Amino acid sequence: TQIIAAGDGTPTNVWARLYGARDQPMQQLSGFLPAWCVTNLSAKGQLPLIPNFFDLVIIDEASQCDIASAFPLMYRAKRAVIIGDPNQLTHISTLNTGRSLSLMHNHNLMDPDYLIFEATKNSLYRLASTMIGDGKLIMLNEHFRSHEDIIKYSNDTWYSGNLYIGTDYKKLNPA
């Protein structure tokens, strides 16, 4: 057995063969595992980069997801469901807006149609919602996680009172 570490001068073609040797058993294994749970960032090293590897990719909390880290998952998907809340805080980008726009300019992506891909301001949820249009958005308006005293503020402030608060208070911890 030989251990090969990244950055040890191993030629790229060796890495390609190693990943290729891993990808075939992963494809066979996928037939036995109907659901996989990964983060956007962990998919890179754990799953083969094969188009249509998954029938369906579901990305939850997409309002807090940057666009770039979701692309590898989307590439692997035949279809995708994007779930998020436009009223939640968006992701935090370590890339500043000036640098992002500079990169877009350098790659001729300053057309207004491409600005939705700008990495520092737009979440995956925002991108997806603009692509499908308001008529196809579904609002999940039932809330079961918080006491009414907590969720009422958000309901009144951001959801125009449209949330049904269905928390079972008997299941909450006593005061």
N, C-alpha and C. Protein backbone atom coordinates (compact mmCIF):
# COMPACT_ATOMS: atom_id res chain seq x y z
N THR A 1 0.85 -1.18 0.00
CA THR A 1 0.00 0.00 0.00
C THR A 1 0.88 1.23 0.00
N GLN A 2 0.52 2.17 -0.85
CA GLN A 2 1.26 3.42 -0.94
C GLN A 2 0.30 4.57 -0.74
N ILE A 3 0.66 5.51 0.08
CA ILE A 3 -0.17 6.69 0.31
C ILE A 3 0.37 7.82 -0.54
N ILE A 4 -0.49 8.41 -1.33
CA ILE A 4 -0.11 9.55 -2.17
C ILE A 4 -0.84 10.76 -1.64
N ALA A 5 -0.09 11.78 -1.26
CA ALA A 5 -0.69 13.00 -0.70
C ALA A 5 -0.77 14.08 -1.75
N ALA A 6 -1.83 14.88 -1.67
CA ALA A 6 -1.98 16.00 -2.60
C ALA A 6 -0.80 16.95 -2.46
N GLY A 7 -0.34 17.45 -3.58
CA GLY A 7 0.74 18.43 -3.55
C GLY A 7 2.12 17.80 -3.43
N ASP A 8 2.20 16.48 -3.57
CA ASP A 8 3.51 15.83 -3.41
C ASP A 8 4.25 15.67 -4.74
N GLY A 9 3.79 16.36 -5.77
CA GLY A 9 4.43 16.28 -7.07
C GLY A 9 3.88 15.15 -7.94
N THR A 10 2.85 14.46 -7.48
CA THR A 10 2.24 13.39 -8.26
C THR A 10 1.62 13.98 -9.52
N PRO A 11 1.93 13.41 -10.66
CA PRO A 11 1.40 13.96 -11.91
C PRO A 11 -0.13 13.94 -11.95
N THR A 12 -0.69 14.90 -12.64
CA THR A 12 -2.13 15.06 -12.74
C THR A 12 -2.80 13.81 -13.30
N ASN A 13 -2.18 13.13 -14.26
CA ASN A 13 -2.81 11.95 -14.86
C ASN A 13 -2.97 10.83 -13.83
N VAL A 14 -2.10 10.76 -12.82
CA VAL A 14 -2.25 9.76 -11.77
C VAL A 14 -3.50 10.07 -10.96
N TRP A 15 -3.69 11.36 -10.64
CA TRP A 15 -4.90 11.75 -9.91
C TRP A 15 -6.15 11.44 -10.72
N ALA A 16 -6.10 11.68 -12.00
CA ALA A 16 -7.26 11.39 -12.86
C ALA A 16 -7.59 9.90 -12.83
N ARG A 17 -6.56 9.04 -12.88
CA ARG A 17 -6.79 7.60 -12.82
C ARG A 17 -7.37 7.19 -11.47
N LEU A 18 -6.85 7.80 -10.38
CA LEU A 18 -7.37 7.48 -9.05
C LEU A 18 -8.84 7.86 -8.93
N TYR A 19 -9.19 9.05 -9.41
CA TYR A 19 -10.59 9.48 -9.36
C TYR A 19 -11.45 8.61 -10.26
N GLY A 20 -10.93 8.24 -11.42
CA GLY A 20 -11.67 7.37 -12.33
C GLY A 20 -11.93 6.01 -11.70
N ALA A 21 -10.94 5.47 -10.99
CA ALA A 21 -11.10 4.18 -10.31
C ALA A 21 -12.15 4.28 -9.21
N ARG A 22 -12.28 5.43 -8.62
CA ARG A 22 -13.28 5.63 -7.57
C ARG A 22 -14.68 5.81 -8.17
N ASP A 23 -14.78 6.45 -9.32
CA ASP A 23 -16.08 6.81 -9.89
C ASP A 23 -16.92 5.60 -10.30
N GLN A 24 -16.30 4.56 -10.84
CA GLN A 24 -17.08 3.41 -11.29
C GLN A 24 -17.79 2.70 -10.12
N PRO A 25 -17.10 2.37 -9.02
CA PRO A 25 -17.83 1.77 -7.89
C PRO A 25 -18.89 2.71 -7.30
N MET A 26 -18.63 4.02 -7.33
CA MET A 26 -19.62 4.98 -6.82
C MET A 26 -20.89 4.91 -7.66
N GLN A 27 -20.76 4.80 -8.97
CA GLN A 27 -21.93 4.68 -9.83
C GLN A 27 -22.70 3.40 -9.53
N GLN A 28 -21.98 2.30 -9.31
CA GLN A 28 -22.65 1.04 -8.97
C GLN A 28 -23.33 1.14 -7.61
N LEU A 29 -22.67 1.76 -6.66
CA LEU A 29 -23.21 1.92 -5.31
C LEU A 29 -24.46 2.80 -5.32
N SER A 30 -24.51 3.77 -6.22
CA SER A 30 -25.66 4.69 -6.25
C SER A 30 -26.97 3.96 -6.53
N GLY A 31 -26.91 2.80 -7.16
CA GLY A 31 -28.12 2.02 -7.40
C GLY A 31 -28.71 1.42 -6.13
N PHE A 32 -27.90 1.29 -5.09
CA PHE A 32 -28.35 0.71 -3.82
C PHE A 32 -28.71 1.76 -2.78
N LEU A 33 -28.27 2.98 -2.98
CA LEU A 33 -28.52 4.06 -2.02
C LEU A 33 -29.44 5.09 -2.67
N PRO A 34 -30.72 5.10 -2.33
CA PRO A 34 -31.67 5.98 -3.01
C PRO A 34 -31.53 7.45 -2.63
N ALA A 35 -30.86 7.75 -1.52
CA ALA A 35 -30.73 9.15 -1.10
C ALA A 35 -29.34 9.39 -0.53
N TRP A 36 -28.77 10.52 -0.87
CA TRP A 36 -27.45 10.91 -0.38
C TRP A 36 -27.58 12.29 0.24
N CYS A 37 -26.88 12.55 1.30
CA CYS A 37 -26.87 13.88 1.93
C CYS A 37 -25.43 14.39 1.95
N VAL A 38 -25.21 15.51 1.31
CA VAL A 38 -23.89 16.12 1.27
C VAL A 38 -24.04 17.63 1.33
N THR A 39 -22.98 18.29 1.66
CA THR A 39 -22.96 19.75 1.55
C THR A 39 -22.44 20.10 0.17
N ASN A 40 -22.68 21.31 -0.24
CA ASN A 40 -22.18 21.77 -1.55
C ASN A 40 -20.67 21.58 -1.64
N LEU A 41 -19.97 21.92 -0.58
CA LEU A 41 -18.52 21.89 -0.62
C LEU A 41 -17.94 20.48 -0.50
N SER A 42 -18.62 19.57 0.20
CA SER A 42 -18.08 18.23 0.35
C SER A 42 -18.30 17.36 -0.88
N ALA A 43 -19.23 17.73 -1.74
CA ALA A 43 -19.52 16.94 -2.93
C ALA A 43 -18.29 16.82 -3.83
N LYS A 44 -17.49 17.86 -3.87
CA LYS A 44 -16.33 17.90 -4.77
C LYS A 44 -15.43 16.68 -4.58
N GLY A 45 -15.09 16.38 -3.37
CA GLY A 45 -14.16 15.29 -3.13
C GLY A 45 -14.81 13.94 -2.88
N GLN A 46 -16.14 13.91 -2.77
CA GLN A 46 -16.80 12.67 -2.39
C GLN A 46 -17.61 12.02 -3.50
N LEU A 47 -18.04 12.79 -4.48
CA LEU A 47 -18.92 12.26 -5.52
C LEU A 47 -18.31 12.44 -6.89
N PRO A 48 -18.50 11.47 -7.77
CA PRO A 48 -17.97 11.62 -9.12
C PRO A 48 -18.59 12.81 -9.84
N LEU A 49 -17.80 13.49 -10.62
CA LEU A 49 -18.29 14.63 -11.41
C LEU A 49 -18.79 14.09 -12.75
N ILE A 50 -19.98 13.51 -12.68
CA ILE A 50 -20.60 12.85 -13.83
C ILE A 50 -21.96 13.50 -14.05
N PRO A 51 -22.25 13.95 -15.26
CA PRO A 51 -23.57 14.55 -15.50
C PRO A 51 -24.67 13.52 -15.28
N ASN A 52 -25.79 13.99 -14.71
CA ASN A 52 -26.97 13.16 -14.47
C ASN A 52 -26.71 12.01 -13.49
N PHE A 53 -25.74 12.15 -12.62
CA PHE A 53 -25.46 11.13 -11.61
C PHE A 53 -26.66 10.95 -10.68
N PHE A 54 -27.36 12.05 -10.41
CA PHE A 54 -28.56 12.01 -9.57
C PHE A 54 -29.80 12.31 -10.39
N ASP A 55 -30.89 11.63 -10.08
CA ASP A 55 -32.17 11.94 -10.71
C ASP A 55 -32.67 13.30 -10.23
N LEU A 56 -32.49 13.56 -8.94
CA LEU A 56 -33.01 14.79 -8.35
C LEU A 56 -32.05 15.29 -7.27
N VAL A 57 -31.70 16.54 -7.35
CA VAL A 57 -30.92 17.19 -6.30
C VAL A 57 -31.84 18.20 -5.62
N ILE A 58 -31.89 18.14 -4.30
CA ILE A 58 -32.68 19.08 -3.52
C ILE A 58 -31.72 19.93 -2.71
N ILE A 59 -31.78 21.23 -2.91
CA ILE A 59 -30.93 22.15 -2.16
C ILE A 59 -31.84 22.96 -1.25
N ASP A 60 -31.70 22.71 0.05
CA ASP A 60 -32.49 23.41 1.07
C ASP A 60 -31.66 24.58 1.59
N GLU A 61 -32.34 25.55 2.16
CA GLU A 61 -31.69 26.77 2.67
C GLU A 61 -30.91 27.47 1.56
N ALA A 62 -31.46 27.44 0.35
CA ALA A 62 -30.78 28.01 -0.81
C ALA A 62 -30.63 29.52 -0.73
N SER A 63 -31.38 30.16 0.13
CA SER A 63 -31.20 31.61 0.34
C SER A 63 -29.85 31.90 0.96
N GLN A 64 -29.31 30.91 1.66
CA GLN A 64 -28.03 31.07 2.33
C GLN A 64 -26.91 30.36 1.57
N CYS A 65 -27.18 29.98 0.33
CA CYS A 65 -26.22 29.24 -0.49
C CYS A 65 -25.69 30.12 -1.62
N ASP A 66 -24.38 30.14 -1.76
CA ASP A 66 -23.82 30.89 -2.89
C ASP A 66 -24.01 30.09 -4.17
N ILE A 67 -24.00 30.77 -5.28
CA ILE A 67 -24.28 30.16 -6.57
C ILE A 67 -23.16 29.22 -7.01
N ALA A 68 -21.92 29.67 -6.88
CA ALA A 68 -20.79 28.91 -7.40
C ALA A 68 -20.66 27.52 -6.77
N SER A 69 -20.88 27.41 -5.46
CA SER A 69 -20.69 26.10 -4.83
C SER A 69 -21.82 25.13 -5.18
N ALA A 70 -22.92 25.63 -5.71
CA ALA A 70 -24.03 24.75 -6.09
C ALA A 70 -23.88 24.20 -7.51
N PHE A 71 -23.10 24.87 -8.35
CA PHE A 71 -22.96 24.42 -9.74
C PHE A 71 -22.52 22.96 -9.87
N PRO A 72 -21.53 22.49 -9.10
CA PRO A 72 -21.15 21.08 -9.25
C PRO A 72 -22.28 20.11 -8.92
N LEU A 73 -23.13 20.45 -7.97
CA LEU A 73 -24.28 19.59 -7.67
C LEU A 73 -25.30 19.64 -8.81
N MET A 74 -25.53 20.83 -9.32
CA MET A 74 -26.49 20.98 -10.42
C MET A 74 -26.02 20.22 -11.66
N TYR A 75 -24.71 20.21 -11.89
CA TYR A 75 -24.15 19.48 -13.03
C TYR A 75 -24.44 17.99 -12.91
N ARG A 76 -24.45 17.49 -11.69
CA ARG A 76 -24.68 16.07 -11.44
C ARG A 76 -26.17 15.70 -11.48
N ALA A 77 -27.05 16.66 -11.63
CA ALA A 77 -28.48 16.42 -11.47
C ALA A 77 -29.23 16.42 -12.80
N LYS A 78 -30.22 15.52 -12.90
CA LYS A 78 -31.15 15.57 -14.02
C LYS A 78 -32.18 16.68 -13.77
N ARG A 79 -32.60 16.80 -12.49
CA ARG A 79 -33.57 17.83 -12.10
C ARG A 79 -33.14 18.37 -10.74
N ALA A 80 -33.67 19.53 -10.39
CA ALA A 80 -33.33 20.13 -9.10
C ALA A 80 -34.54 20.79 -8.48
N VAL A 81 -34.59 20.75 -7.16
CA VAL A 81 -35.57 21.49 -6.38
C VAL A 81 -34.77 22.44 -5.50
N ILE A 82 -35.09 23.71 -5.59
CA ILE A 82 -34.40 24.74 -4.82
C ILE A 82 -35.37 25.26 -3.78
N ILE A 83 -35.00 25.14 -2.51
CA ILE A 83 -35.86 25.55 -1.41
C ILE A 83 -35.16 26.65 -0.63
N GLY A 84 -35.85 27.73 -0.41
CA GLY A 84 -35.26 28.81 0.36
C GLY A 84 -36.30 29.82 0.78
N ASP A 85 -35.85 30.84 1.45
CA ASP A 85 -36.73 31.87 1.97
C ASP A 85 -36.12 33.22 1.62
N PRO A 86 -36.77 33.98 0.75
CA PRO A 86 -36.21 35.27 0.35
C PRO A 86 -36.10 36.27 1.50
N ASN A 87 -36.76 35.99 2.61
CA ASN A 87 -36.70 36.88 3.76
C ASN A 87 -35.59 36.54 4.74
N GLN A 88 -34.85 35.48 4.50
CA GLN A 88 -33.72 35.14 5.35
C GLN A 88 -32.48 35.86 4.88
N LEU A 89 -31.50 35.93 5.77
CA LEU A 89 -30.21 36.51 5.40
C LEU A 89 -29.57 35.66 4.31
N THR A 90 -28.84 36.29 3.44
CA THR A 90 -28.17 35.58 2.36
C THR A 90 -26.82 35.06 2.85
N HIS A 91 -26.11 34.35 1.98
CA HIS A 91 -24.79 33.83 2.31
C HIS A 91 -23.81 34.97 2.54
N ILE A 92 -22.72 34.65 3.19
CA ILE A 92 -21.65 35.63 3.40
C ILE A 92 -20.53 35.27 2.44
N SER A 93 -20.17 36.21 1.60
CA SER A 93 -19.14 35.96 0.59
C SER A 93 -17.80 36.51 1.05
N THR A 94 -16.75 35.75 0.85
CA THR A 94 -15.40 36.25 1.15
C THR A 94 -14.84 37.03 -0.04
N LEU A 95 -15.53 36.96 -1.15
CA LEU A 95 -15.16 37.72 -2.35
C LEU A 95 -15.86 39.07 -2.28
N ASN A 96 -15.11 40.16 -2.47
CA ASN A 96 -15.79 41.46 -2.42
C ASN A 96 -16.41 41.78 -3.77
N THR A 97 -17.40 42.66 -3.75
CA THR A 97 -18.18 42.98 -4.94
C THR A 97 -17.31 43.51 -6.07
N GLY A 98 -16.34 44.36 -5.73
CA GLY A 98 -15.45 44.92 -6.76
C GLY A 98 -14.69 43.83 -7.50
N ARG A 99 -14.15 42.89 -6.77
CA ARG A 99 -13.41 41.78 -7.40
C ARG A 99 -14.35 40.91 -8.23
N SER A 100 -15.53 40.65 -7.71
CA SER A 100 -16.51 39.84 -8.44
C SER A 100 -16.87 40.49 -9.77
N LEU A 101 -17.17 41.79 -9.72
CA LEU A 101 -17.52 42.50 -10.96
C LEU A 101 -16.33 42.58 -11.92
N SER A 102 -15.13 42.71 -11.38
CA SER A 102 -13.93 42.73 -12.21
C SER A 102 -13.78 41.40 -12.95
N LEU A 103 -13.99 40.29 -12.25
CA LEU A 103 -13.91 38.97 -12.89
C LEU A 103 -14.98 38.83 -13.97
N MET A 104 -16.17 39.31 -13.67
CA MET A 104 -17.24 39.24 -14.67
C MET A 104 -16.89 40.08 -15.90
N HIS A 105 -16.33 41.25 -15.66
CA HIS A 105 -15.93 42.12 -16.77
C HIS A 105 -14.84 41.46 -17.61
N ASN A 106 -13.85 40.85 -16.96
CA ASN A 106 -12.75 40.20 -17.67
C ASN A 106 -13.21 39.04 -18.53
N HIS A 107 -14.35 38.46 -18.19
CA HIS A 107 -14.87 37.32 -18.94
C HIS A 107 -16.12 37.67 -19.75
N ASN A 108 -16.27 38.96 -20.02
CA ASN A 108 -17.38 39.47 -20.86
C ASN A 108 -18.76 39.03 -20.35
N LEU A 109 -18.95 39.16 -19.04
CA LEU A 109 -20.22 38.76 -18.43
C LEU A 109 -20.96 39.95 -17.81
N MET A 110 -20.75 41.14 -18.34
CA MET A 110 -21.38 42.32 -17.78
C MET A 110 -22.75 42.62 -18.40
N ASP A 111 -23.18 41.78 -19.32
CA ASP A 111 -24.52 41.92 -19.88
C ASP A 111 -25.53 41.85 -18.73
N PRO A 112 -26.56 42.69 -18.74
CA PRO A 112 -27.55 42.66 -17.64
C PRO A 112 -28.14 41.28 -17.37
N ASP A 113 -28.24 40.44 -18.39
CA ASP A 113 -28.77 39.09 -18.20
C ASP A 113 -27.86 38.23 -17.32
N TYR A 114 -26.58 38.57 -17.26
CA TYR A 114 -25.63 37.77 -16.47
C TYR A 114 -25.43 38.31 -15.06
N LEU A 115 -25.87 39.52 -14.78
CA LEU A 115 -25.61 40.11 -13.47
C LEU A 115 -26.28 39.35 -12.33
N ILE A 116 -27.30 38.56 -12.61
CA ILE A 116 -27.93 37.75 -11.58
C ILE A 116 -26.94 36.71 -11.03
N PHE A 117 -25.89 36.40 -11.78
CA PHE A 117 -24.87 35.45 -11.34
C PHE A 117 -23.80 36.09 -10.46
N GLU A 118 -23.87 37.39 -10.26
CA GLU A 118 -22.86 38.09 -9.45
C GLU A 118 -22.81 37.44 -8.07
N ALA A 119 -21.61 37.02 -7.68
CA ALA A 119 -21.44 36.11 -6.54
C ALA A 119 -21.65 36.72 -5.16
N THR A 120 -21.46 37.99 -5.00
CA THR A 120 -21.50 38.55 -3.64
C THR A 120 -22.89 38.98 -3.20
N LYS A 121 -23.78 39.22 -4.14
CA LYS A 121 -25.10 39.76 -3.79
C LYS A 121 -26.24 38.77 -3.97
N ASN A 122 -26.05 37.78 -4.78
CA ASN A 122 -27.16 36.90 -5.15
C ASN A 122 -26.96 35.49 -4.62
N SER A 123 -28.00 34.97 -4.02
CA SER A 123 -27.99 33.60 -3.52
C SER A 123 -28.49 32.67 -4.61
N LEU A 124 -28.32 31.38 -4.38
CA LEU A 124 -28.86 30.39 -5.30
C LEU A 124 -30.38 30.51 -5.37
N TYR A 125 -31.02 30.78 -4.24
CA TYR A 125 -32.49 30.94 -4.24
C TYR A 125 -32.90 32.09 -5.15
N ARG A 126 -32.22 33.23 -5.03
CA ARG A 126 -32.58 34.39 -5.85
C ARG A 126 -32.40 34.08 -7.33
N LEU A 127 -31.30 33.43 -7.68
CA LEU A 127 -31.07 33.05 -9.07
C LEU A 127 -32.19 32.14 -9.57
N ALA A 128 -32.51 31.11 -8.80
CA ALA A 128 -33.54 30.15 -9.22
C ALA A 128 -34.90 30.83 -9.34
N SER A 129 -35.23 31.69 -8.39
CA SER A 129 -36.55 32.33 -8.42
C SER A 129 -36.69 33.27 -9.61
N THR A 130 -35.61 33.90 -10.03
CA THR A 130 -35.71 34.78 -11.20
C THR A 130 -35.79 33.96 -12.49
N MET A 131 -35.26 32.77 -12.46
CA MET A 131 -35.28 31.92 -13.65
C MET A 131 -36.67 31.35 -13.92
N ILE A 132 -37.42 31.02 -12.85
CA ILE A 132 -38.71 30.38 -13.08
C ILE A 132 -39.88 31.34 -13.03
N GLY A 133 -39.70 32.50 -12.42
CA GLY A 133 -40.77 33.48 -12.35
C GLY A 133 -41.68 33.27 -11.14
N ASP A 134 -42.32 34.35 -10.73
CA ASP A 134 -43.15 34.34 -9.52
C ASP A 134 -44.32 33.35 -9.60
N GLY A 135 -44.86 33.13 -10.77
CA GLY A 135 -46.03 32.27 -10.90
C GLY A 135 -45.78 30.83 -10.50
N LYS A 136 -44.51 30.40 -10.50
CA LYS A 136 -44.20 29.02 -10.17
C LYS A 136 -43.61 28.86 -8.77
N LEU A 137 -43.48 29.95 -8.04
CA LEU A 137 -42.98 29.87 -6.67
C LEU A 137 -44.09 29.37 -5.75
N ILE A 138 -43.73 28.53 -4.81
CA ILE A 138 -44.68 28.00 -3.85
C ILE A 138 -44.26 28.49 -2.47
N MET A 139 -45.16 29.17 -1.77
CA MET A 139 -44.85 29.62 -0.41
C MET A 139 -45.31 28.55 0.57
N LEU A 140 -44.37 28.10 1.39
CA LEU A 140 -44.72 27.19 2.47
C LEU A 140 -45.12 28.07 3.64
N ASN A 141 -46.40 28.09 3.95
CA ASN A 141 -46.90 29.08 4.90
C ASN A 141 -47.33 28.49 6.24
N GLU A 142 -46.90 27.27 6.53
CA GLU A 142 -47.20 26.67 7.82
C GLU A 142 -45.92 26.62 8.64
N HIS A 143 -46.02 27.05 9.88
CA HIS A 143 -44.84 27.11 10.75
C HIS A 143 -45.11 26.28 12.01
N PHE A 144 -44.18 25.35 12.31
CA PHE A 144 -44.38 24.44 13.44
C PHE A 144 -43.20 24.42 14.41
N ARG A 145 -42.25 25.33 14.29
CA ARG A 145 -41.03 25.19 15.08
C ARG A 145 -40.93 26.14 16.26
N SER A 146 -41.59 27.25 16.24
CA SER A 146 -41.39 28.26 17.29
C SER A 146 -42.68 28.57 18.02
N HIS A 147 -42.51 29.05 19.21
CA HIS A 147 -43.65 29.55 19.98
C HIS A 147 -44.18 30.80 19.28
N GLU A 148 -45.48 31.01 19.37
CA GLU A 148 -46.10 32.16 18.71
C GLU A 148 -45.47 33.49 19.14
N ASP A 149 -45.05 33.59 20.39
CA ASP A 149 -44.42 34.82 20.86
C ASP A 149 -43.15 35.14 20.08
N ILE A 150 -42.49 34.12 19.57
CA ILE A 150 -41.24 34.31 18.81
C ILE A 150 -41.55 34.56 17.34
N ILE A 151 -42.35 33.71 16.73
CA ILE A 151 -42.57 33.79 15.29
C ILE A 151 -43.53 34.91 14.89
N LYS A 152 -44.32 35.40 15.81
CA LYS A 152 -45.30 36.45 15.49
C LYS A 152 -44.61 37.69 14.92
N TYR A 153 -43.46 38.08 15.47
CA TYR A 153 -42.75 39.25 14.98
C TYR A 153 -42.36 39.05 13.50
N SER A 154 -41.75 37.91 13.19
CA SER A 154 -41.37 37.64 11.80
C SER A 154 -42.59 37.56 10.90
N ASN A 155 -43.63 36.92 11.40
CA ASN A 155 -44.86 36.78 10.61
C ASN A 155 -45.42 38.16 10.26
N ASP A 156 -45.47 39.04 11.24
CA ASP A 156 -46.01 40.38 10.99
C ASP A 156 -45.07 41.24 10.15
N THR A 157 -43.76 41.14 10.41
CA THR A 157 -42.77 42.01 9.78
C THR A 157 -42.45 41.62 8.34
N TRP A 158 -42.27 40.32 8.09
CA TRP A 158 -41.80 39.89 6.77
C TRP A 158 -42.81 39.08 5.97
N TYR A 159 -43.79 38.48 6.62
CA TYR A 159 -44.70 37.59 5.90
C TYR A 159 -46.13 38.12 5.85
N SER A 160 -46.33 39.38 6.19
CA SER A 160 -47.65 40.03 6.12
C SER A 160 -48.73 39.25 6.85
N GLY A 161 -48.35 38.55 7.91
CA GLY A 161 -49.32 37.78 8.68
C GLY A 161 -49.82 36.53 7.98
N ASN A 162 -49.14 36.09 6.92
CA ASN A 162 -49.61 34.95 6.12
C ASN A 162 -49.18 33.58 6.63
N LEU A 163 -48.36 33.54 7.69
CA LEU A 163 -47.95 32.25 8.21
C LEU A 163 -49.01 31.68 9.14
N TYR A 164 -49.31 30.41 8.96
CA TYR A 164 -50.15 29.70 9.91
C TYR A 164 -49.21 29.14 10.97
N ILE A 165 -49.41 29.49 12.21
CA ILE A 165 -48.55 29.03 13.28
C ILE A 165 -49.20 27.80 13.89
N GLY A 166 -48.63 26.66 13.62
CA GLY A 166 -49.22 25.39 14.04
C GLY A 166 -48.40 24.66 15.07
N THR A 167 -47.60 25.38 15.83
CA THR A 167 -46.74 24.75 16.83
C THR A 167 -47.59 24.04 17.88
N ASP A 168 -47.22 22.79 18.19
CA ASP A 168 -47.89 22.05 19.25
C ASP A 168 -47.19 22.42 20.56
N TYR A 169 -47.80 23.32 21.32
CA TYR A 169 -47.16 23.84 22.53
C TYR A 169 -46.96 22.78 23.61
N LYS A 170 -47.71 21.68 23.55
CA LYS A 170 -47.54 20.61 24.52
C LYS A 170 -46.19 19.92 24.35
N LYS A 171 -45.61 20.02 23.15
CA LYS A 171 -44.32 19.38 22.89
C LYS A 171 -43.14 20.29 23.22
N LEU A 172 -43.38 21.54 23.52
CA LEU A 172 -42.31 22.46 23.87
C LEU A 172 -41.89 22.25 25.32
N ASN A 173 -40.69 22.61 25.64
CA ASN A 173 -40.22 22.53 27.03
C ASN A 173 -40.99 23.52 27.88
N PRO A 174 -41.25 23.15 29.13
CA PRO A 174 -41.94 24.12 30.01
C PRO A 174 -41.05 25.32 30.29
N ALA A 175 -41.68 26.43 30.65
CA ALA A 175 -40.94 27.68 30.90
C ALA A 175 -39.94 27.49 32.04
